[in-house]
Amino acid sequence: MNRIEIEIKLNRDRSWLLETLAAMSEADLRAPRTPSEHDPEKTWSYADHFIHTTLIEKNWNDMFRRHLSGEPGMPRRANADGSSQPMEQVMAGIHRWTERWADEHRGKPLPELVRIGLAARAETLQLLAELTDDQLDSKIPGAPWADGTVGGIMAANADHGLLHFNYAKDGSLTT
């Protein structure tokens, strides 16, 4: 995927998502839609899913920077004894991390959530402007998203927003 395609995808999908969320009533935006993957006592709303995608976008931008500076983009998740964490343990940690982020932002007005997301998106677009074509085509070892390249994962931010919108719409974490 080239730089132009990435920018179009990021802008088009974000515009659609913002227009769709902004057209919702406050009750629909905040209604419980899916179970939390961390705390069975909690549910996530459209707003929670939306702010979740911002956290991931920020995290991916950090991953791009690590990778391009020569560090491992995908950090190894290890137990105290140095052994690799099994996927179930890794995912439990990720769900705990995203739940804390959702809790921190739960109840904030949509314009505030959009502002927070806009800062992350601006950072993504700044990276897109700065990176060479070779850097965009660079594969991040172990990255399971898109085609594993910086550009492919960057564009996947758009897919991630739509994925979470559909989770909330369907009331399920699978589509």
N, C-alpha and C. Protein backbone atom coordinates (compact mmCIF):
# COMPACT_ATOMS: atom_id res chain seq x y z
N MET A 1 0.85 -1.17 0.00
CA MET A 1 0.00 0.00 0.00
C MET A 1 0.90 1.23 0.00
N ASN A 2 0.63 2.14 -0.89
CA ASN A 2 1.49 3.33 -0.96
C ASN A 2 0.96 4.45 -0.06
N ARG A 3 1.78 5.48 0.08
CA ARG A 3 1.48 6.59 0.98
C ARG A 3 0.14 7.26 0.68
N ILE A 4 -0.17 7.42 -0.60
CA ILE A 4 -1.45 8.06 -0.97
C ILE A 4 -2.62 7.17 -0.56
N GLU A 5 -2.52 5.89 -0.83
CA GLU A 5 -3.59 4.96 -0.45
C GLU A 5 -3.77 4.92 1.07
N ILE A 6 -2.65 4.95 1.79
CA ILE A 6 -2.72 4.93 3.26
C ILE A 6 -3.44 6.18 3.77
N GLU A 7 -3.05 7.34 3.26
CA GLU A 7 -3.68 8.58 3.73
C GLU A 7 -5.17 8.62 3.39
N ILE A 8 -5.52 8.21 2.18
CA ILE A 8 -6.94 8.19 1.80
C ILE A 8 -7.72 7.28 2.73
N LYS A 9 -7.20 6.09 2.98
CA LYS A 9 -7.90 5.13 3.83
C LYS A 9 -8.06 5.67 5.25
N LEU A 10 -6.99 6.22 5.80
CA LEU A 10 -7.07 6.77 7.16
C LEU A 10 -8.10 7.88 7.25
N ASN A 11 -8.09 8.80 6.30
CA ASN A 11 -9.01 9.93 6.35
C ASN A 11 -10.45 9.54 6.05
N ARG A 12 -10.65 8.71 5.04
CA ARG A 12 -12.00 8.31 4.65
C ARG A 12 -12.68 7.53 5.78
N ASP A 13 -12.00 6.57 6.32
CA ASP A 13 -12.61 5.73 7.35
C ASP A 13 -12.84 6.50 8.65
N ARG A 14 -11.91 7.38 9.00
CA ARG A 14 -12.11 8.19 10.22
C ARG A 14 -13.28 9.15 10.04
N SER A 15 -13.39 9.76 8.87
CA SER A 15 -14.52 10.67 8.61
C SER A 15 -15.84 9.93 8.73
N TRP A 16 -15.91 8.73 8.15
CA TRP A 16 -17.14 7.95 8.24
C TRP A 16 -17.46 7.64 9.70
N LEU A 17 -16.44 7.20 10.45
CA LEU A 17 -16.67 6.83 11.84
C LEU A 17 -17.10 8.04 12.67
N LEU A 18 -16.45 9.18 12.48
CA LEU A 18 -16.83 10.38 13.24
C LEU A 18 -18.24 10.83 12.90
N GLU A 19 -18.58 10.84 11.62
CA GLU A 19 -19.93 11.24 11.21
C GLU A 19 -20.97 10.30 11.81
N THR A 20 -20.67 9.01 11.81
CA THR A 20 -21.62 8.02 12.34
C THR A 20 -21.80 8.17 13.84
N LEU A 21 -20.70 8.30 14.58
CA LEU A 21 -20.80 8.44 16.03
C LEU A 21 -21.45 9.76 16.42
N ALA A 22 -21.10 10.84 15.71
CA ALA A 22 -21.67 12.16 16.02
C ALA A 22 -23.17 12.20 15.77
N ALA A 23 -23.68 11.36 14.87
CA ALA A 23 -25.11 11.33 14.57
C ALA A 23 -25.90 10.54 15.61
N MET A 24 -25.23 9.82 16.48
CA MET A 24 -25.91 9.01 17.50
C MET A 24 -26.39 9.89 18.64
N SER A 25 -27.45 9.44 19.26
CA SER A 25 -27.87 10.10 20.50
C SER A 25 -26.86 9.74 21.59
N GLU A 26 -26.83 10.55 22.62
CA GLU A 26 -25.94 10.27 23.75
C GLU A 26 -26.27 8.91 24.36
N ALA A 27 -27.54 8.58 24.44
CA ALA A 27 -27.96 7.29 25.00
C ALA A 27 -27.42 6.13 24.16
N ASP A 28 -27.52 6.25 22.83
CA ASP A 28 -27.00 5.18 21.97
C ASP A 28 -25.48 5.09 22.04
N LEU A 29 -24.81 6.21 22.09
CA LEU A 29 -23.36 6.24 22.15
C LEU A 29 -22.83 5.57 23.41
N ARG A 30 -23.56 5.71 24.51
CA ARG A 30 -23.11 5.22 25.83
C ARG A 30 -23.75 3.91 26.27
N ALA A 31 -24.71 3.40 25.51
CA ALA A 31 -25.41 2.17 25.91
C ALA A 31 -24.44 0.99 25.94
N PRO A 32 -24.64 0.07 26.89
CA PRO A 32 -23.80 -1.13 26.93
C PRO A 32 -23.98 -1.94 25.65
N ARG A 33 -22.88 -2.32 25.02
CA ARG A 33 -22.96 -3.03 23.74
C ARG A 33 -22.26 -4.39 23.77
N THR A 34 -21.07 -4.46 24.37
CA THR A 34 -20.32 -5.72 24.39
C THR A 34 -19.77 -5.97 25.78
N PRO A 35 -19.54 -7.22 26.13
CA PRO A 35 -18.91 -7.50 27.43
C PRO A 35 -17.45 -7.07 27.40
N SER A 36 -16.97 -6.61 28.55
CA SER A 36 -15.55 -6.32 28.69
C SER A 36 -14.79 -7.64 28.58
N GLU A 37 -13.65 -7.59 27.94
CA GLU A 37 -12.82 -8.80 27.85
C GLU A 37 -11.94 -8.96 29.08
N HIS A 38 -11.95 -7.96 29.97
CA HIS A 38 -11.15 -8.03 31.19
C HIS A 38 -12.01 -8.22 32.43
N ASP A 39 -13.08 -7.47 32.53
CA ASP A 39 -13.91 -7.47 33.74
C ASP A 39 -15.33 -7.87 33.39
N PRO A 40 -15.76 -9.06 33.78
CA PRO A 40 -17.11 -9.51 33.42
C PRO A 40 -18.23 -8.66 34.01
N GLU A 41 -17.90 -7.78 34.95
CA GLU A 41 -18.89 -6.88 35.54
C GLU A 41 -19.15 -5.65 34.66
N LYS A 42 -18.31 -5.44 33.64
CA LYS A 42 -18.40 -4.23 32.83
C LYS A 42 -18.80 -4.56 31.40
N THR A 43 -19.38 -3.54 30.76
CA THR A 43 -19.67 -3.63 29.33
C THR A 43 -19.06 -2.42 28.65
N TRP A 44 -18.87 -2.54 27.34
CA TRP A 44 -18.32 -1.44 26.55
C TRP A 44 -19.39 -0.88 25.63
N SER A 45 -19.33 0.42 25.45
CA SER A 45 -20.25 1.16 24.57
C SER A 45 -19.53 1.48 23.26
N TYR A 46 -20.25 2.12 22.35
CA TYR A 46 -19.61 2.63 21.14
C TYR A 46 -18.45 3.57 21.52
N ALA A 47 -18.69 4.44 22.50
CA ALA A 47 -17.65 5.40 22.92
C ALA A 47 -16.42 4.67 23.46
N ASP A 48 -16.62 3.61 24.23
CA ASP A 48 -15.49 2.84 24.76
C ASP A 48 -14.69 2.18 23.63
N HIS A 49 -15.39 1.63 22.67
CA HIS A 49 -14.70 1.01 21.53
C HIS A 49 -13.93 2.06 20.74
N PHE A 50 -14.52 3.23 20.58
CA PHE A 50 -13.86 4.30 19.85
C PHE A 50 -12.57 4.73 20.54
N ILE A 51 -12.60 4.97 21.86
CA ILE A 51 -11.40 5.42 22.56
C ILE A 51 -10.37 4.30 22.62
N HIS A 52 -10.80 3.05 22.63
CA HIS A 52 -9.87 1.92 22.57
C HIS A 52 -8.99 2.01 21.32
N THR A 53 -9.59 2.34 20.20
CA THR A 53 -8.82 2.39 18.95
C THR A 53 -7.74 3.48 19.01
N THR A 54 -7.97 4.53 19.78
CA THR A 54 -6.97 5.58 19.95
C THR A 54 -5.76 5.04 20.71
N LEU A 55 -6.00 4.28 21.76
CA LEU A 55 -4.89 3.69 22.53
C LEU A 55 -4.04 2.81 21.63
N ILE A 56 -4.67 1.99 20.82
CA ILE A 56 -3.93 1.10 19.94
C ILE A 56 -3.15 1.89 18.90
N GLU A 57 -3.75 2.94 18.36
CA GLU A 57 -3.04 3.76 17.37
C GLU A 57 -1.80 4.39 18.00
N LYS A 58 -1.92 4.90 19.21
CA LYS A 58 -0.77 5.46 19.90
C LYS A 58 0.30 4.39 20.12
N ASN A 59 -0.12 3.21 20.51
CA ASN A 59 0.80 2.11 20.75
C ASN A 59 1.51 1.69 19.46
N TRP A 60 0.75 1.63 18.36
CA TRP A 60 1.36 1.27 17.08
C TRP A 60 2.37 2.33 16.64
N ASN A 61 2.08 3.60 16.86
CA ASN A 61 3.04 4.64 16.51
C ASN A 61 4.34 4.47 17.28
N ASP A 62 4.23 4.12 18.56
CA ASP A 62 5.42 3.83 19.36
C ASP A 62 6.16 2.61 18.79
N MET A 63 5.41 1.59 18.38
CA MET A 63 6.01 0.40 17.79
C MET A 63 6.77 0.76 16.52
N PHE A 64 6.18 1.60 15.66
CA PHE A 64 6.86 2.02 14.43
C PHE A 64 8.19 2.69 14.77
N ARG A 65 8.16 3.60 15.74
CA ARG A 65 9.38 4.32 16.10
C ARG A 65 10.46 3.37 16.63
N ARG A 66 10.06 2.42 17.49
CA ARG A 66 11.04 1.45 18.00
C ARG A 66 11.65 0.67 16.84
N HIS A 67 10.79 0.15 15.98
CA HIS A 67 11.25 -0.65 14.84
C HIS A 67 12.21 0.14 13.96
N LEU A 68 11.85 1.36 13.63
CA LEU A 68 12.66 2.16 12.71
C LEU A 68 13.95 2.66 13.35
N SER A 69 14.02 2.65 14.68
CA SER A 69 15.26 3.04 15.36
C SER A 69 16.16 1.83 15.62
N GLY A 70 15.72 0.65 15.16
CA GLY A 70 16.54 -0.55 15.30
C GLY A 70 16.23 -1.41 16.51
N GLU A 71 15.29 -0.96 17.32
CA GLU A 71 14.86 -1.77 18.47
C GLU A 71 13.79 -2.76 18.01
N PRO A 72 13.53 -3.80 18.80
CA PRO A 72 12.41 -4.68 18.43
C PRO A 72 11.10 -3.91 18.48
N GLY A 73 10.35 -3.93 17.38
CA GLY A 73 9.06 -3.26 17.34
C GLY A 73 8.05 -3.97 18.23
N MET A 74 8.10 -5.29 18.20
CA MET A 74 7.19 -6.11 19.00
C MET A 74 7.97 -6.61 20.21
N PRO A 75 7.75 -6.00 21.38
CA PRO A 75 8.50 -6.44 22.55
C PRO A 75 8.12 -7.87 22.94
N ARG A 76 9.10 -8.61 23.40
CA ARG A 76 8.86 -9.98 23.88
C ARG A 76 8.19 -9.90 25.24
N ARG A 77 7.12 -10.62 25.42
CA ARG A 77 6.41 -10.64 26.71
C ARG A 77 6.95 -11.84 27.49
N ALA A 78 7.60 -11.53 28.62
CA ALA A 78 8.24 -12.59 29.40
C ALA A 78 7.77 -12.56 30.85
N ASN A 79 7.79 -13.74 31.46
CA ASN A 79 7.53 -13.88 32.89
C ASN A 79 8.78 -13.47 33.66
N ALA A 80 8.67 -13.38 34.98
CA ALA A 80 9.80 -12.98 35.82
C ALA A 80 10.99 -13.93 35.65
N ASP A 81 10.72 -15.20 35.37
CA ASP A 81 11.80 -16.17 35.20
C ASP A 81 12.41 -16.16 33.80
N GLY A 82 11.93 -15.26 32.94
CA GLY A 82 12.46 -15.14 31.59
C GLY A 82 11.74 -15.97 30.55
N SER A 83 10.85 -16.84 30.97
CA SER A 83 10.12 -17.66 30.02
C SER A 83 9.07 -16.81 29.29
N SER A 84 8.79 -17.18 28.05
CA SER A 84 7.79 -16.45 27.27
C SER A 84 6.40 -16.67 27.84
N GLN A 85 5.63 -15.61 27.86
CA GLN A 85 4.25 -15.73 28.33
C GLN A 85 3.43 -16.44 27.26
N PRO A 86 2.54 -17.35 27.68
CA PRO A 86 1.62 -17.95 26.71
C PRO A 86 0.63 -16.90 26.22
N MET A 87 0.07 -17.11 25.04
CA MET A 87 -0.82 -16.12 24.43
C MET A 87 -1.97 -15.74 25.36
N GLU A 88 -2.51 -16.69 26.10
CA GLU A 88 -3.61 -16.39 27.04
C GLU A 88 -3.18 -15.34 28.07
N GLN A 89 -1.96 -15.45 28.57
CA GLN A 89 -1.45 -14.50 29.55
C GLN A 89 -1.17 -13.15 28.89
N VAL A 90 -0.63 -13.16 27.68
CA VAL A 90 -0.39 -11.92 26.94
C VAL A 90 -1.71 -11.18 26.73
N MET A 91 -2.73 -11.89 26.27
CA MET A 91 -4.02 -11.26 26.00
C MET A 91 -4.67 -10.74 27.28
N ALA A 92 -4.53 -11.47 28.37
CA ALA A 92 -5.08 -11.00 29.65
C ALA A 92 -4.45 -9.66 30.03
N GLY A 93 -3.15 -9.53 29.83
CA GLY A 93 -2.46 -8.27 30.11
C GLY A 93 -2.93 -7.14 29.21
N ILE A 94 -3.13 -7.46 27.93
CA ILE A 94 -3.60 -6.46 26.98
C ILE A 94 -5.02 -6.02 27.34
N HIS A 95 -5.88 -6.97 27.71
CA HIS A 95 -7.25 -6.61 28.08
C HIS A 95 -7.27 -5.76 29.36
N ARG A 96 -6.39 -6.06 30.31
CA ARG A 96 -6.30 -5.25 31.54
C ARG A 96 -5.86 -3.82 31.19
N TRP A 97 -4.86 -3.70 30.32
CA TRP A 97 -4.33 -2.41 29.88
C TRP A 97 -5.41 -1.60 29.17
N THR A 98 -6.14 -2.21 28.25
CA THR A 98 -7.17 -1.47 27.51
C THR A 98 -8.36 -1.13 28.40
N GLU A 99 -8.65 -1.97 29.38
CA GLU A 99 -9.74 -1.66 30.30
C GLU A 99 -9.40 -0.44 31.15
N ARG A 100 -8.15 -0.35 31.61
CA ARG A 100 -7.73 0.83 32.38
C ARG A 100 -7.89 2.10 31.53
N TRP A 101 -7.51 2.02 30.26
CA TRP A 101 -7.64 3.17 29.35
C TRP A 101 -9.12 3.53 29.17
N ALA A 102 -9.96 2.54 28.96
CA ALA A 102 -11.39 2.79 28.79
C ALA A 102 -11.97 3.41 30.06
N ASP A 103 -11.58 2.89 31.22
CA ASP A 103 -12.06 3.44 32.49
C ASP A 103 -11.64 4.91 32.64
N GLU A 104 -10.41 5.21 32.24
CA GLU A 104 -9.88 6.58 32.35
C GLU A 104 -10.70 7.57 31.51
N HIS A 105 -11.26 7.08 30.40
CA HIS A 105 -11.95 7.97 29.47
C HIS A 105 -13.47 7.80 29.46
N ARG A 106 -13.97 6.81 30.17
CA ARG A 106 -15.41 6.54 30.19
C ARG A 106 -16.16 7.75 30.74
N GLY A 107 -17.20 8.13 30.01
CA GLY A 107 -18.05 9.25 30.43
C GLY A 107 -17.61 10.60 29.89
N LYS A 108 -16.42 10.67 29.28
CA LYS A 108 -16.01 11.95 28.69
C LYS A 108 -16.88 12.23 27.48
N PRO A 109 -17.16 13.50 27.21
CA PRO A 109 -18.00 13.84 26.06
C PRO A 109 -17.31 13.42 24.75
N LEU A 110 -18.13 13.11 23.75
CA LEU A 110 -17.60 12.68 22.46
C LEU A 110 -16.58 13.67 21.90
N PRO A 111 -16.82 14.99 21.95
CA PRO A 111 -15.79 15.90 21.41
C PRO A 111 -14.43 15.74 22.09
N GLU A 112 -14.42 15.41 23.36
CA GLU A 112 -13.15 15.18 24.07
C GLU A 112 -12.50 13.88 23.59
N LEU A 113 -13.29 12.84 23.41
CA LEU A 113 -12.74 11.58 22.88
C LEU A 113 -12.18 11.79 21.48
N VAL A 114 -12.88 12.57 20.68
CA VAL A 114 -12.41 12.87 19.32
C VAL A 114 -11.11 13.66 19.38
N ARG A 115 -11.01 14.62 20.30
CA ARG A 115 -9.79 15.40 20.46
C ARG A 115 -8.60 14.50 20.78
N ILE A 116 -8.80 13.57 21.70
CA ILE A 116 -7.74 12.63 22.08
C ILE A 116 -7.35 11.77 20.88
N GLY A 117 -8.36 11.31 20.15
CA GLY A 117 -8.11 10.50 18.96
C GLY A 117 -7.44 11.30 17.86
N LEU A 118 -7.81 12.56 17.74
CA LEU A 118 -7.22 13.41 16.72
C LEU A 118 -5.73 13.61 16.97
N ALA A 119 -5.34 13.72 18.22
CA ALA A 119 -3.91 13.86 18.54
C ALA A 119 -3.15 12.62 18.08
N ALA A 120 -3.72 11.44 18.33
CA ALA A 120 -3.07 10.20 17.87
C ALA A 120 -3.04 10.14 16.35
N ARG A 121 -4.14 10.51 15.70
CA ARG A 121 -4.19 10.47 14.24
C ARG A 121 -3.21 11.48 13.63
N ALA A 122 -3.08 12.65 14.26
CA ALA A 122 -2.12 13.64 13.77
C ALA A 122 -0.70 13.09 13.84
N GLU A 123 -0.42 12.36 14.91
CA GLU A 123 0.89 11.72 15.06
C GLU A 123 1.10 10.68 13.95
N THR A 124 0.07 9.91 13.65
CA THR A 124 0.15 8.91 12.58
C THR A 124 0.41 9.59 11.25
N LEU A 125 -0.33 10.64 10.96
CA LEU A 125 -0.15 11.34 9.69
C LEU A 125 1.21 12.02 9.62
N GLN A 126 1.73 12.51 10.74
CA GLN A 126 3.07 13.10 10.76
C GLN A 126 4.10 12.02 10.44
N LEU A 127 3.96 10.85 11.03
CA LEU A 127 4.86 9.74 10.70
C LEU A 127 4.77 9.38 9.22
N LEU A 128 3.56 9.32 8.71
CA LEU A 128 3.36 9.00 7.30
C LEU A 128 4.09 10.01 6.42
N ALA A 129 4.08 11.28 6.80
CA ALA A 129 4.75 12.32 6.03
C ALA A 129 6.27 12.21 6.12
N GLU A 130 6.77 11.73 7.24
CA GLU A 130 8.22 11.69 7.47
C GLU A 130 8.91 10.45 6.92
N LEU A 131 8.20 9.34 6.87
CA LEU A 131 8.83 8.07 6.53
C LEU A 131 9.08 7.95 5.03
N THR A 132 10.17 7.29 4.70
CA THR A 132 10.47 7.00 3.29
C THR A 132 9.61 5.83 2.84
N ASP A 133 9.56 5.62 1.54
CA ASP A 133 8.83 4.46 1.02
C ASP A 133 9.43 3.16 1.55
N ASP A 134 10.76 3.09 1.64
CA ASP A 134 11.40 1.88 2.17
C ASP A 134 11.00 1.64 3.63
N GLN A 135 10.90 2.71 4.41
CA GLN A 135 10.48 2.56 5.80
C GLN A 135 9.02 2.10 5.88
N LEU A 136 8.16 2.64 5.03
CA LEU A 136 6.76 2.19 5.02
C LEU A 136 6.65 0.73 4.63
N ASP A 137 7.54 0.26 3.76
CA ASP A 137 7.53 -1.13 3.30
C ASP A 137 8.27 -2.07 4.25
N SER A 138 8.90 -1.53 5.27
CA SER A 138 9.68 -2.32 6.21
C SER A 138 8.77 -3.22 7.05
N LYS A 139 9.13 -4.51 7.12
CA LYS A 139 8.34 -5.46 7.92
C LYS A 139 8.78 -5.43 9.37
N ILE A 140 7.81 -5.46 10.26
CA ILE A 140 8.08 -5.51 11.69
C ILE A 140 8.01 -6.99 12.10
N PRO A 141 9.14 -7.60 12.45
CA PRO A 141 9.13 -9.02 12.81
C PRO A 141 8.12 -9.32 13.91
N GLY A 142 7.30 -10.32 13.67
CA GLY A 142 6.31 -10.77 14.64
C GLY A 142 5.00 -10.01 14.65
N ALA A 143 4.89 -8.94 13.87
CA ALA A 143 3.65 -8.15 13.85
C ALA A 143 2.56 -8.92 13.12
N PRO A 144 1.44 -9.18 13.79
CA PRO A 144 0.39 -10.00 13.19
C PRO A 144 -0.66 -9.22 12.40
N TRP A 145 -0.50 -7.89 12.27
CA TRP A 145 -1.53 -7.07 11.65
C TRP A 145 -1.22 -6.82 10.18
N ALA A 146 -2.28 -6.77 9.40
CA ALA A 146 -2.18 -6.45 7.96
C ALA A 146 -1.10 -7.33 7.34
N ASP A 147 -0.20 -6.71 6.56
CA ASP A 147 0.87 -7.47 5.92
C ASP A 147 2.17 -7.42 6.73
N GLY A 148 2.10 -6.85 7.94
CA GLY A 148 3.27 -6.77 8.81
C GLY A 148 4.20 -5.61 8.53
N THR A 149 3.89 -4.81 7.48
CA THR A 149 4.73 -3.66 7.18
C THR A 149 4.27 -2.45 7.97
N VAL A 150 5.16 -1.49 8.13
CA VAL A 150 4.81 -0.25 8.81
C VAL A 150 3.60 0.39 8.13
N GLY A 151 3.64 0.53 6.81
CA GLY A 151 2.53 1.15 6.07
C GLY A 151 1.24 0.36 6.17
N GLY A 152 1.34 -0.95 6.06
CA GLY A 152 0.15 -1.79 6.15
C GLY A 152 -0.51 -1.70 7.52
N ILE A 153 0.31 -1.72 8.56
CA ILE A 153 -0.23 -1.62 9.92
C ILE A 153 -0.79 -0.21 10.15
N MET A 154 -0.10 0.79 9.64
CA MET A 154 -0.58 2.16 9.76
C MET A 154 -1.98 2.28 9.16
N ALA A 155 -2.17 1.72 7.97
CA ALA A 155 -3.48 1.76 7.31
C ALA A 155 -4.51 0.94 8.08
N ALA A 156 -4.06 -0.08 8.79
CA ALA A 156 -4.97 -0.93 9.55
C ALA A 156 -5.66 -0.19 10.69
N ASN A 157 -5.15 1.00 11.05
CA ASN A 157 -5.87 1.82 12.03
C ASN A 157 -7.30 2.07 11.57
N ALA A 158 -7.48 2.27 10.26
CA ALA A 158 -8.82 2.49 9.72
C ALA A 158 -9.67 1.24 9.89
N ASP A 159 -9.10 0.09 9.58
CA ASP A 159 -9.82 -1.18 9.73
C ASP A 159 -10.18 -1.42 11.19
N HIS A 160 -9.28 -1.05 12.09
CA HIS A 160 -9.51 -1.27 13.52
C HIS A 160 -10.72 -0.48 14.01
N GLY A 161 -10.86 0.75 13.55
CA GLY A 161 -12.02 1.55 13.93
C GLY A 161 -13.32 0.93 13.46
N LEU A 162 -13.34 0.46 12.21
CA LEU A 162 -14.53 -0.19 11.66
C LEU A 162 -14.81 -1.51 12.37
N LEU A 163 -13.78 -2.27 12.66
CA LEU A 163 -13.94 -3.53 13.38
C LEU A 163 -14.63 -3.31 14.72
N HIS A 164 -14.14 -2.31 15.47
CA HIS A 164 -14.73 -2.06 16.79
C HIS A 164 -16.12 -1.44 16.69
N PHE A 165 -16.36 -0.65 15.66
CA PHE A 165 -17.72 -0.15 15.45
C PHE A 165 -18.67 -1.33 15.24
N ASN A 166 -18.24 -2.30 14.43
CA ASN A 166 -19.08 -3.47 14.17
C ASN A 166 -19.24 -4.36 15.40
N TYR A 167 -18.19 -4.47 16.23
CA TYR A 167 -18.36 -5.20 17.48
C TYR A 167 -19.49 -4.58 18.29
N ALA A 168 -19.44 -3.25 18.43
CA ALA A 168 -20.46 -2.56 19.22
C ALA A 168 -21.83 -2.69 18.57
N LYS A 169 -21.89 -2.55 17.25
CA LYS A 169 -23.17 -2.64 16.54
C LYS A 169 -23.80 -4.02 16.72
N ASP A 170 -22.96 -5.06 16.61
CA ASP A 170 -23.46 -6.44 16.70
C ASP A 170 -23.61 -6.90 18.15
N GLY A 171 -23.05 -6.16 19.09
CA GLY A 171 -23.12 -6.55 20.50
C GLY A 171 -22.29 -7.78 20.78
N SER A 172 -21.26 -8.00 19.97
CA SER A 172 -20.43 -9.19 20.10
C SER A 172 -19.00 -8.83 19.74
N LEU A 173 -18.06 -9.55 20.31
CA LEU A 173 -16.65 -9.30 20.02
C LEU A 173 -16.16 -10.12 18.84
N THR A 174 -17.08 -10.70 18.09
CA THR A 174 -16.71 -11.39 16.85
C THR A 174 -17.67 -10.90 15.76
N THR A 175 -17.13 -10.75 14.56
CA THR A 175 -17.99 -10.34 13.44
C THR A 175 -17.87 -11.34 12.32
